Amino acid sequence: MIKILKKISKRSDVIKKNIDKNKQKTVVGFYEDVIIKGLLIRAKVDTGASRSSIDSGLADFLKLGPIIERRAVISSHGRGIRPIIETEIKIFDRKFKASFNIASRHHLRYPLLIGKNILRKGFIIDPSKKLKKQKRKVIKNRKDLHDLK
C-alpha cells in the first residue's frame, strides 16, 4: 500500500511540474499576427517545419539581413540551399531574436511561417484559438505588401 501511495505521489509531482512549465508558455493558434520591424504580419504556425521561413519579397521590403549562413532544406518542392537571416520578432508581449530561411512564398497564402525553432521558445499550439481582429493593417500576402509601397 505504501509503495502505491509513493508512486501516486511521484506521478502527481510530475503532473504538477508539467502544469507549472505550461504556465510559462504562450498559447498560439494555427495562425498568428506577429511584428517584425514594426510591421504587423500574418504568420502560419507549422509544427512540421524545423525552421521558420519568410518570403523573399517581404525580407527585401523590411531590409532584413545580413545573411548569416546558408542551409540545405527539404520542402514540398524538393531539396535546396536557402539563405538564413536573423531578426527580432514579437509574438504577443514576447520579443526575441529568431532565424528565418528566405524563400519565395508568393504562391503561398502566408508570407511568414513559424517553425519549431521559434515554437521551442515556450509556445503551445491550441488549434481552436482564433485570431483577434486587428485595428491596424495586417500584411497577409504579397499583394498587401505592394499596397504599402
C-alpha atoms as a PDB file:
ATOM      1  CA  MET A   1       0.000   0.000   0.000  1.00  0.00           C
ATOM      2  CA  ILE A   2       2.834   2.400   0.863  1.00  0.00           C
ATOM      3  CA  LYS A   3       4.533   1.660  -2.489  1.00  0.00           C
ATOM      4  CA  ILE A   4       1.323   2.540  -4.334  1.00  0.00           C
ATOM      5  CA  LEU A   5       0.964   5.800  -2.406  1.00  0.00           C
ATOM      6  CA  LYS A   6       4.590   6.711  -3.190  1.00  0.00           C
ATOM      7  CA  LYS A   7       4.013   6.049  -6.911  1.00  0.00           C
ATOM      8  CA  ILE A   8       0.860   8.174  -6.887  1.00  0.00           C
ATOM      9  CA  SER A   9       2.738  10.934  -5.066  1.00  0.00           C
ATOM     10  CA  LYS A  10       5.588  10.841  -7.613  1.00  0.00           C
ATOM     11  CA  ARG A  11       3.127  10.954 -10.529  1.00  0.00           C
ATOM     12  CA  SER A  12       1.275  13.908  -9.055  1.00  0.00           C
ATOM     13  CA  ASP A  13       4.620  15.709  -8.600  1.00  0.00           C
ATOM     14  CA  VAL A  14       5.438  15.102 -12.285  1.00  0.00           C
ATOM     15  CA  ILE A  15       1.996  16.342 -13.345  1.00  0.00           C
ATOM     16  CA  LYS A  16       2.384  19.415 -11.118  1.00  0.00           C
ATOM     17  CA  LYS A  17       5.815  20.200 -12.655  1.00  0.00           C
ATOM     18  CA  ASN A  18       4.354  19.898 -16.164  1.00  0.00           C
ATOM     19  CA  ILE A  19       1.482  22.221 -15.254  1.00  0.00           C
ATOM     20  CA  ASP A  20       3.974  24.737 -13.816  1.00  0.00           C
ATOM     21  CA  LYS A  21       6.029  24.575 -17.042  1.00  0.00           C
ATOM     22  CA  ASN A  22       2.898  25.180 -19.138  1.00  0.00           C
ATOM     23  CA  LYS A  23       2.037  28.287 -17.103  1.00  0.00           C
ATOM     24  CA  GLN A  24       5.179  29.890 -18.511  1.00  0.00           C
ATOM     25  CA  LYS A  25       4.275  29.085 -22.107  1.00  0.00           C
ATOM     26  CA  THR A  26       2.382  31.269 -24.571  1.00  0.00           C
ATOM     27  CA  VAL A  27      -0.604  29.769 -26.370  1.00  0.00           C
ATOM     28  CA  VAL A  28      -0.762  30.329 -30.135  1.00  0.00           C
ATOM     29  CA  GLY A  29      -3.200  29.166 -32.789  1.00  0.00           C
ATOM     30  CA  PHE A  30      -2.563  27.861 -36.304  1.00  0.00           C
ATOM     31  CA  TYR A  31      -2.321  31.496 -37.479  1.00  0.00           C
ATOM     32  CA  GLU A  32      -0.912  34.443 -35.541  1.00  0.00           C
ATOM     33  CA  ASP A  33      -0.200  38.108 -36.180  1.00  0.00           C
ATOM     34  CA  VAL A  34       3.432  38.916 -35.365  1.00  0.00           C
ATOM     35  CA  ILE A  35       5.527  42.081 -35.539  1.00  0.00           C
ATOM     36  CA  ILE A  36       8.824  42.355 -37.390  1.00  0.00           C
ATOM     37  CA  LYS A  37      10.440  45.798 -37.676  1.00  0.00           C
ATOM     38  CA  GLY A  38       7.172  47.469 -36.667  1.00  0.00           C
ATOM     39  CA  LEU A  39       5.123  45.739 -39.399  1.00  0.00           C
ATOM     40  CA  LEU A  40       2.176  43.527 -38.412  1.00  0.00           C
ATOM     41  CA  ILE A  41       2.380  40.285 -40.418  1.00  0.00           C
ATOM     42  CA  ARG A  42       0.056  37.275 -40.520  1.00  0.00           C
ATOM     43  CA  ALA A  43       2.013  34.055 -39.987  1.00  0.00           C
ATOM     44  CA  LYS A  44       1.142  30.395 -40.299  1.00  0.00           C
ATOM     45  CA  VAL A  45       2.292  28.187 -37.437  1.00  0.00           C
ATOM     46  CA  ASP A  46       3.734  24.906 -38.734  1.00  0.00           C
ATOM     47  CA  THR A  47       4.916  22.199 -36.332  1.00  0.00           C
ATOM     48  CA  GLY A  48       6.267  20.223 -39.294  1.00  0.00           C
ATOM     49  CA  ALA A  49       8.740  22.940 -40.289  1.00  0.00           C
ATOM     50  CA  SER A  50      12.028  22.715 -38.420  1.00  0.00           C
ATOM     51  CA  ARG A  51      12.957  26.310 -39.273  1.00  0.00           C
ATOM     52  CA  SER A  52      10.840  29.419 -39.767  1.00  0.00           C
ATOM     53  CA  SER A  53      10.619  30.941 -43.245  1.00  0.00           C
ATOM     54  CA  ILE A  54       9.990  34.425 -44.634  1.00  0.00           C
ATOM     55  CA  ASP A  55       9.019  35.481 -48.151  1.00  0.00           C
ATOM     56  CA  SER A  56      11.924  36.925 -50.143  1.00  0.00           C
ATOM     57  CA  GLY A  57       9.854  39.983 -51.152  1.00  0.00           C
ATOM     58  CA  LEU A  58       8.932  40.689 -47.538  1.00  0.00           C
ATOM     59  CA  ALA A  59      12.559  40.246 -46.422  1.00  0.00           C
ATOM     60  CA  ASP A  60      13.645  42.758 -49.099  1.00  0.00           C
ATOM     61  CA  PHE A  61      10.898  45.218 -48.133  1.00  0.00           C
ATOM     62  CA  LEU A  62      11.914  45.046 -44.455  1.00  0.00           C
ATOM     63  CA  LYS A  63      15.610  45.224 -45.393  1.00  0.00           C
ATOM     64  CA  LEU A  64      16.373  42.152 -43.316  1.00  0.00           C
ATOM     65  CA  GLY A  65      19.878  40.849 -43.182  1.00  0.00           C
ATOM     66  CA  PRO A  66      22.678  40.246 -43.386  1.00  0.00           C
ATOM     67  CA  ILE A  67      22.654  36.605 -44.432  1.00  0.00           C
ATOM     68  CA  ILE A  68      24.349  34.749 -41.582  1.00  0.00           C
ATOM     69  CA  GLU A  69      24.608  31.356 -43.297  1.00  0.00           C
ATOM     70  CA  ARG A  70      23.162  29.106 -45.986  1.00  0.00           C
ATOM     71  CA  ARG A  71      21.473  25.826 -45.142  1.00  0.00           C
ATOM     72  CA  ALA A  72      20.213  22.818 -47.016  1.00  0.00           C
ATOM     73  CA  VAL A  73      16.427  22.478 -46.725  1.00  0.00           C
ATOM     74  CA  ILE A  74      13.883  19.908 -47.771  1.00  0.00           C
ATOM     75  CA  SER A  75      10.476  21.292 -48.704  1.00  0.00           C
ATOM     76  CA  SER A  76       7.449  20.145 -50.666  1.00  0.00           C
ATOM     77  CA  HIS A  77       9.269  21.475 -53.748  1.00  0.00           C
ATOM     78  CA  GLY A  78      12.350  19.336 -53.166  1.00  0.00           C
ATOM     79  CA  ARG A  79      15.823  19.981 -51.811  1.00  0.00           C
ATOM     80  CA  GLY A  80      17.701  23.249 -51.978  1.00  0.00           C
ATOM     81  CA  ILE A  81      20.018  25.696 -50.273  1.00  0.00           C
ATOM     82  CA  ARG A  82      18.455  28.768 -48.661  1.00  0.00           C
ATOM     83  CA  PRO A  83      19.958  31.865 -47.076  1.00  0.00           C
ATOM     84  CA  ILE A  84      19.351  32.303 -43.340  1.00  0.00           C
ATOM     85  CA  ILE A  85      18.853  35.673 -41.649  1.00  0.00           C
ATOM     86  CA  GLU A  86      18.285  36.605 -38.039  1.00  0.00           C
ATOM     87  CA  THR A  87      15.859  39.281 -36.895  1.00  0.00           C
ATOM     88  CA  GLU A  88      13.833  40.332 -33.887  1.00  0.00           C
ATOM     89  CA  ILE A  89      10.223  39.149 -33.802  1.00  0.00           C
ATOM     90  CA  LYS A  90       7.408  39.990 -31.408  1.00  0.00           C
ATOM     91  CA  ILE A  91       4.669  37.460 -30.697  1.00  0.00           C
ATOM     92  CA  PHE A  92       2.146  38.845 -28.220  1.00  0.00           C
ATOM     93  CA  ASP A  93       4.227  40.506 -25.498  1.00  0.00           C
ATOM     94  CA  ARG A  94       7.289  38.337 -26.126  1.00  0.00           C
ATOM     95  CA  LYS A  95      10.177  39.815 -28.114  1.00  0.00           C
ATOM     96  CA  PHE A  96      13.228  37.765 -29.147  1.00  0.00           C
ATOM     97  CA  LYS A  97      15.715  37.084 -31.946  1.00  0.00           C
ATOM     98  CA  ALA A  98      14.905  34.260 -34.345  1.00  0.00           C
ATOM     99  CA  SER A  99      16.362  32.886 -37.546  1.00  0.00           C
ATOM    100  CA  PHE A 100      14.415  32.534 -40.795  1.00  0.00           C
ATOM    101  CA  ASN A 101      15.252  30.984 -44.117  1.00  0.00           C
ATOM    102  CA  ILE A 102      14.413  33.191 -47.081  1.00  0.00           C
ATOM    103  CA  ALA A 103      12.187  31.586 -49.711  1.00  0.00           C
ATOM    104  CA  SER A 104       9.811  32.603 -52.462  1.00  0.00           C
ATOM    105  CA  ARG A 105       6.443  32.250 -50.739  1.00  0.00           C
ATOM    106  CA  HIS A 106       4.446  34.345 -53.246  1.00  0.00           C
ATOM    107  CA  HIS A 107       2.425  31.305 -54.305  1.00  0.00           C
ATOM    108  CA  LEU A 108       1.531  30.517 -50.684  1.00  0.00           C
ATOM    109  CA  ARG A 109      -1.204  32.124 -48.594  1.00  0.00           C
ATOM    110  CA  TYR A 110       1.038  33.498 -45.819  1.00  0.00           C
ATOM    111  CA  PRO A 111       4.372  35.316 -46.243  1.00  0.00           C
ATOM    112  CA  LEU A 112       5.698  34.073 -42.913  1.00  0.00           C
ATOM    113  CA  LEU A 113       5.949  30.575 -41.491  1.00  0.00           C
ATOM    114  CA  ILE A 114       6.629  29.991 -37.795  1.00  0.00           C
ATOM    115  CA  GLY A 115       8.538  26.732 -37.373  1.00  0.00           C
ATOM    116  CA  LYS A 116       9.829  24.661 -34.486  1.00  0.00           C
ATOM    117  CA  ASN A 117      12.904  26.856 -33.980  1.00  0.00           C
ATOM    118  CA  ILE A 118      10.528  29.549 -32.625  1.00  0.00           C
ATOM    119  CA  LEU A 119       7.884  27.261 -31.098  1.00  0.00           C
ATOM    120  CA  ARG A 120      10.538  25.679 -28.855  1.00  0.00           C
ATOM    121  CA  LYS A 121      10.991  29.060 -27.163  1.00  0.00           C
ATOM    122  CA  GLY A 122       7.968  28.455 -24.957  1.00  0.00           C
ATOM    123  CA  PHE A 123       4.868  28.208 -27.153  1.00  0.00           C
ATOM    124  CA  ILE A 124       1.943  25.790 -27.058  1.00  0.00           C
ATOM    125  CA  ILE A 125      -0.434  25.379 -30.002  1.00  0.00           C
ATOM    126  CA  ASP A 126      -4.184  25.425 -29.472  1.00  0.00           C
ATOM    127  CA  PRO A 127      -5.922  24.631 -32.789  1.00  0.00           C
ATOM    128  CA  SER A 128      -9.199  26.138 -31.534  1.00  0.00           C
ATOM    129  CA  LYS A 129      -7.628  29.548 -30.869  1.00  0.00           C
ATOM    130  CA  LYS A 130      -8.969  32.287 -33.154  1.00  0.00           C
ATOM    131  CA  LEU A 131      -7.208  35.446 -34.296  1.00  0.00           C
ATOM    132  CA  LYS A 132      -8.281  38.727 -32.745  1.00  0.00           C
ATOM    133  CA  LYS A 133      -9.482  41.496 -35.038  1.00  0.00           C
ATOM    134  CA  GLN A 134      -6.641  43.969 -35.592  1.00  0.00           C
ATOM    135  CA  LYS A 135      -7.140  47.728 -35.637  1.00  0.00           C
ATOM    136  CA  ARG A 136      -4.117  48.264 -37.866  1.00  0.00           C
ATOM    137  CA  LYS A 137      -3.239  46.921 -41.307  1.00  0.00           C
ATOM    138  CA  VAL A 138      -2.029  43.306 -41.350  1.00  0.00           C
ATOM    139  CA  ILE A 139       0.252  42.013 -44.122  1.00  0.00           C
ATOM    140  CA  LYS A 140      -1.420  38.774 -45.168  1.00  0.00           C
ATOM    141  CA  ASN A 141       0.159  38.241 -48.592  1.00  0.00           C
ATOM    142  CA  ARG A 142       2.388  39.846 -51.235  1.00  0.00           C
ATOM    143  CA  LYS A 143      -0.489  41.981 -52.557  1.00  0.00           C
ATOM    144  CA  ASP A 144      -0.796  43.662 -49.157  1.00  0.00           C
ATOM    145  CA  LEU A 145       2.931  44.330 -49.286  1.00  0.00           C
ATOM    146  CA  HIS A 146       2.626  46.050 -52.683  1.00  0.00           C
ATOM    147  CA  ASP A 147      -0.213  48.205 -51.320  1.00  0.00           C
ATOM    148  CA  LEU A 148       2.235  49.615 -48.724  1.00  0.00           C
ATOM    149  CA  LYS A 149       4.778  50.739 -51.318  1.00  0.00           C
END
